[in-house]
Every structure is written in structure tokens, then in C-alpha cells.
N, C-alpha and C. Protein backbone atom coordinates (compact mmCIF):
# COMPACT_ATOMS: atom_id res chain seq x y z
N MET A 1 0.94 -1.30 0.09
CA MET A 1 0.02 0.02 -0.10
C MET A 1 1.03 1.08 0.10
N SER A 2 0.63 2.01 -0.94
CA SER A 2 1.53 3.32 -1.12
C SER A 2 0.64 4.51 -0.68
N VAL A 3 1.48 5.46 -0.09
CA VAL A 3 0.88 6.72 0.32
C VAL A 3 1.00 7.81 -0.66
N GLY A 4 -0.13 8.46 -1.12
CA GLY A 4 0.06 9.49 -2.06
C GLY A 4 0.26 10.53 -1.86
N LEU A 5 0.49 11.66 -2.88
CA LEU A 5 1.38 12.73 -2.85
C LEU A 5 0.55 13.83 -1.71
N GLU A 6 -0.56 13.79 -1.63
CA GLU A 6 -1.34 14.73 -0.83
C GLU A 6 -0.88 15.11 0.54
N PRO A 7 -0.77 13.64 1.33
CA PRO A 7 -0.12 14.06 2.60
C PRO A 7 1.05 14.45 3.05
N PHE A 8 1.97 14.31 2.06
CA PHE A 8 3.28 14.99 2.09
C PHE A 8 3.24 16.28 1.86
N LEU A 9 2.48 16.95 1.01
CA LEU A 9 2.29 18.00 0.66
C LEU A 9 1.70 18.94 1.82
N LEU A 10 0.53 18.11 2.33
CA LEU A 10 -0.04 18.69 3.43
C LEU A 10 1.04 18.92 4.60
N LEU A 11 1.77 18.01 4.87
CA LEU A 11 2.90 18.05 5.90
C LEU A 11 3.85 19.08 5.44
N SER A 12 4.12 19.32 4.27
CA SER A 12 4.94 20.40 4.01
C SER A 12 4.52 21.69 4.24
N ALA A 13 3.29 22.02 3.78
CA ALA A 13 2.72 23.12 3.89
C ALA A 13 2.38 23.60 5.24
N ALA A 14 2.18 22.60 6.14
CA ALA A 14 2.07 22.95 7.48
C ALA A 14 3.54 23.45 8.10
N LEU A 15 4.44 22.66 7.82
CA LEU A 15 5.74 23.14 8.20
C LEU A 15 6.13 24.39 8.10
N PHE A 16 5.71 24.87 6.43
CA PHE A 16 6.34 25.94 5.91
C PHE A 16 5.52 27.24 6.71
N ALA A 17 4.23 26.91 7.01
CA ALA A 17 3.26 27.90 7.70
C ALA A 17 3.87 28.12 8.91
N ILE A 18 3.96 27.16 9.78
CA ILE A 18 4.68 27.16 10.97
C ILE A 18 5.85 27.91 11.22
N GLY A 19 6.81 27.58 10.25
CA GLY A 19 8.17 28.57 10.22
C GLY A 19 7.87 29.92 9.72
N LEU A 20 7.05 30.15 8.82
CA LEU A 20 6.89 31.48 8.42
C LEU A 20 6.16 32.32 9.55
N TYR A 21 5.17 31.69 10.15
CA TYR A 21 4.72 32.45 11.29
C TYR A 21 5.67 32.71 12.44
N GLY A 22 6.46 31.82 12.69
CA GLY A 22 7.48 32.02 13.55
C GLY A 22 8.43 33.03 13.28
N ALA A 23 8.82 32.92 11.85
CA ALA A 23 9.79 33.92 11.66
C ALA A 23 9.37 35.33 11.41
N LEU A 24 8.20 35.67 11.34
CA LEU A 24 7.39 36.79 11.31
C LEU A 24 7.28 37.43 12.71
N ALA A 25 6.84 36.38 13.55
CA ALA A 25 6.54 36.89 14.86
C ALA A 25 7.44 37.19 15.85
N LYS A 26 8.53 36.46 15.71
CA LYS A 26 9.61 36.27 16.76
C LYS A 26 10.46 37.53 16.44
N SER A 27 11.28 37.94 17.65
CA SER A 27 12.32 38.76 17.23
C SER A 27 13.75 38.23 17.71
N ASN A 28 13.57 37.12 18.32
CA ASN A 28 15.05 36.44 18.77
C ASN A 28 15.63 35.78 17.44
N ALA A 29 16.99 36.13 17.66
CA ALA A 29 17.64 35.65 16.57
C ALA A 29 17.79 34.04 16.47
N VAL A 30 17.97 33.14 17.42
CA VAL A 30 18.02 32.13 17.35
C VAL A 30 16.79 31.32 17.27
N VAL A 31 15.63 31.80 17.36
CA VAL A 31 14.25 31.30 17.07
C VAL A 31 14.06 31.69 15.84
N LEU A 32 14.49 32.73 15.39
CA LEU A 32 14.29 32.92 13.84
C LEU A 32 15.06 32.24 12.74
N LEU A 33 16.34 31.70 13.26
CA LEU A 33 16.93 30.78 12.48
C LEU A 33 16.58 29.24 12.45
N MET A 34 15.82 29.07 13.66
CA MET A 34 14.99 27.89 13.66
C MET A 34 13.82 27.70 13.02
N CYS A 35 13.22 28.85 12.79
CA CYS A 35 11.88 28.92 12.06
C CYS A 35 12.19 28.76 10.54
N ILE A 36 13.35 29.58 10.19
CA ILE A 36 13.97 29.35 8.66
C ILE A 36 14.31 27.80 8.61
N GLU A 37 14.72 27.32 9.51
CA GLU A 37 14.97 25.81 8.98
C GLU A 37 13.99 25.15 8.84
N ILE A 38 12.88 25.15 9.77
CA ILE A 38 11.75 24.68 9.46
C ILE A 38 11.03 24.85 8.30
N MET A 39 11.07 26.07 7.81
CA MET A 39 10.79 26.52 6.45
C MET A 39 11.38 25.57 5.41
N LEU A 40 12.60 25.50 5.64
CA LEU A 40 13.54 24.70 4.59
C LEU A 40 13.18 23.23 4.66
N ASN A 41 13.09 22.60 5.53
CA ASN A 41 12.58 21.38 5.92
C ASN A 41 11.15 21.30 5.04
N GLY A 42 10.25 21.97 5.34
CA GLY A 42 8.93 21.80 4.48
C GLY A 42 9.46 21.69 2.95
N VAL A 43 10.09 22.76 2.63
CA VAL A 43 10.55 22.81 1.27
C VAL A 43 11.36 21.19 0.75
N ASN A 44 12.31 20.90 1.61
CA ASN A 44 12.79 19.56 1.28
C ASN A 44 11.69 18.52 1.08
N ILE A 45 10.63 18.18 2.17
CA ILE A 45 9.95 17.32 1.96
C ILE A 45 8.85 17.31 0.51
N ALA A 46 8.54 18.56 0.20
CA ALA A 46 7.82 18.97 -0.97
C ALA A 46 8.60 18.53 -2.14
N LEU A 47 9.80 18.69 -2.17
CA LEU A 47 10.62 18.27 -3.23
C LEU A 47 10.78 16.96 -3.41
N GLY A 48 11.09 16.19 -2.17
CA GLY A 48 10.97 14.83 -2.03
C GLY A 48 10.03 13.97 -2.58
N ALA A 49 8.77 14.65 -2.03
CA ALA A 49 7.44 14.30 -2.40
C ALA A 49 7.11 14.23 -4.11
N PHE A 50 7.55 15.46 -4.59
CA PHE A 50 7.34 15.37 -6.06
C PHE A 50 8.09 14.46 -6.87
N SER A 51 9.50 14.32 -6.34
CA SER A 51 10.45 13.58 -7.04
C SER A 51 9.84 12.23 -7.03
N ARG A 52 9.46 11.75 -5.91
CA ARG A 52 8.90 10.35 -5.89
C ARG A 52 7.55 10.15 -6.68
N PHE A 53 6.55 11.29 -6.75
CA PHE A 53 5.76 11.08 -7.56
C PHE A 53 5.77 11.08 -9.05
N LEU A 54 6.61 12.08 -9.47
CA LEU A 54 7.05 11.96 -11.09
C LEU A 54 8.29 10.96 -11.38
N GLY A 55 8.85 10.11 -10.30
CA GLY A 55 9.52 9.11 -10.77
C GLY A 55 10.95 9.62 -11.22
N LEU A 56 11.35 10.85 -10.70
CA LEU A 56 12.67 11.50 -10.97
C LEU A 56 13.33 11.61 -9.75
N LEU A 57 14.84 11.78 -9.76
CA LEU A 57 15.72 11.95 -8.78
C LEU A 57 16.03 13.38 -8.65
N THR A 58 15.58 14.28 -9.52
CA THR A 58 16.06 15.59 -9.25
C THR A 58 15.84 16.21 -7.88
N GLY A 59 14.40 15.92 -7.62
CA GLY A 59 14.15 16.78 -6.47
C GLY A 59 14.75 16.28 -4.94
N GLN A 60 15.25 14.71 -5.10
CA GLN A 60 15.75 14.29 -3.99
C GLN A 60 17.06 14.81 -3.92
N VAL A 61 17.81 14.92 -5.33
CA VAL A 61 19.09 15.52 -5.27
C VAL A 61 19.22 16.85 -4.72
N PHE A 62 18.36 17.68 -5.04
CA PHE A 62 18.23 19.03 -4.71
C PHE A 62 18.10 18.91 -3.03
N ALA A 63 17.22 18.42 -2.61
CA ALA A 63 16.93 18.09 -1.27
C ALA A 63 18.28 17.70 -0.40
N ILE A 64 19.15 16.92 -0.90
CA ILE A 64 20.23 16.44 -0.25
C ILE A 64 21.46 17.37 -0.45
């Protein structure tokens, strides 16, 4: 049984939104950098999901 594309994209969007909210709401430098890293993790999940869905390795290479 294979998991579709939608759960990964929902997780990716949720991580990106949480990171964006934290980056815009916080003024502490350490918390700001952590929020930016959460946003980048969301983008990496989306790249990996699209790469797996399309059958290409390009997104996985960019994520690494």
C-alpha cells in the first residue's frame, strides 16, 4: 500500500506555515533561524514528494 502525494504536501505546507509564522512573529535571532530551518525542511519534503511522484531523482538530489 502506497501513500499518495497529498499527505506529504499537507505536511510540507504545515511546516512551511509554522516556520513562516514563527519567523514573522519572533524577534529572537536563534528562534528566527530555527523557524527558517523549519521552512527549509518543509520545502525539502515537498521536493522529495514531487520527485517520488514523478519518478525522477532531481528533487531528491536538490534536497540532499
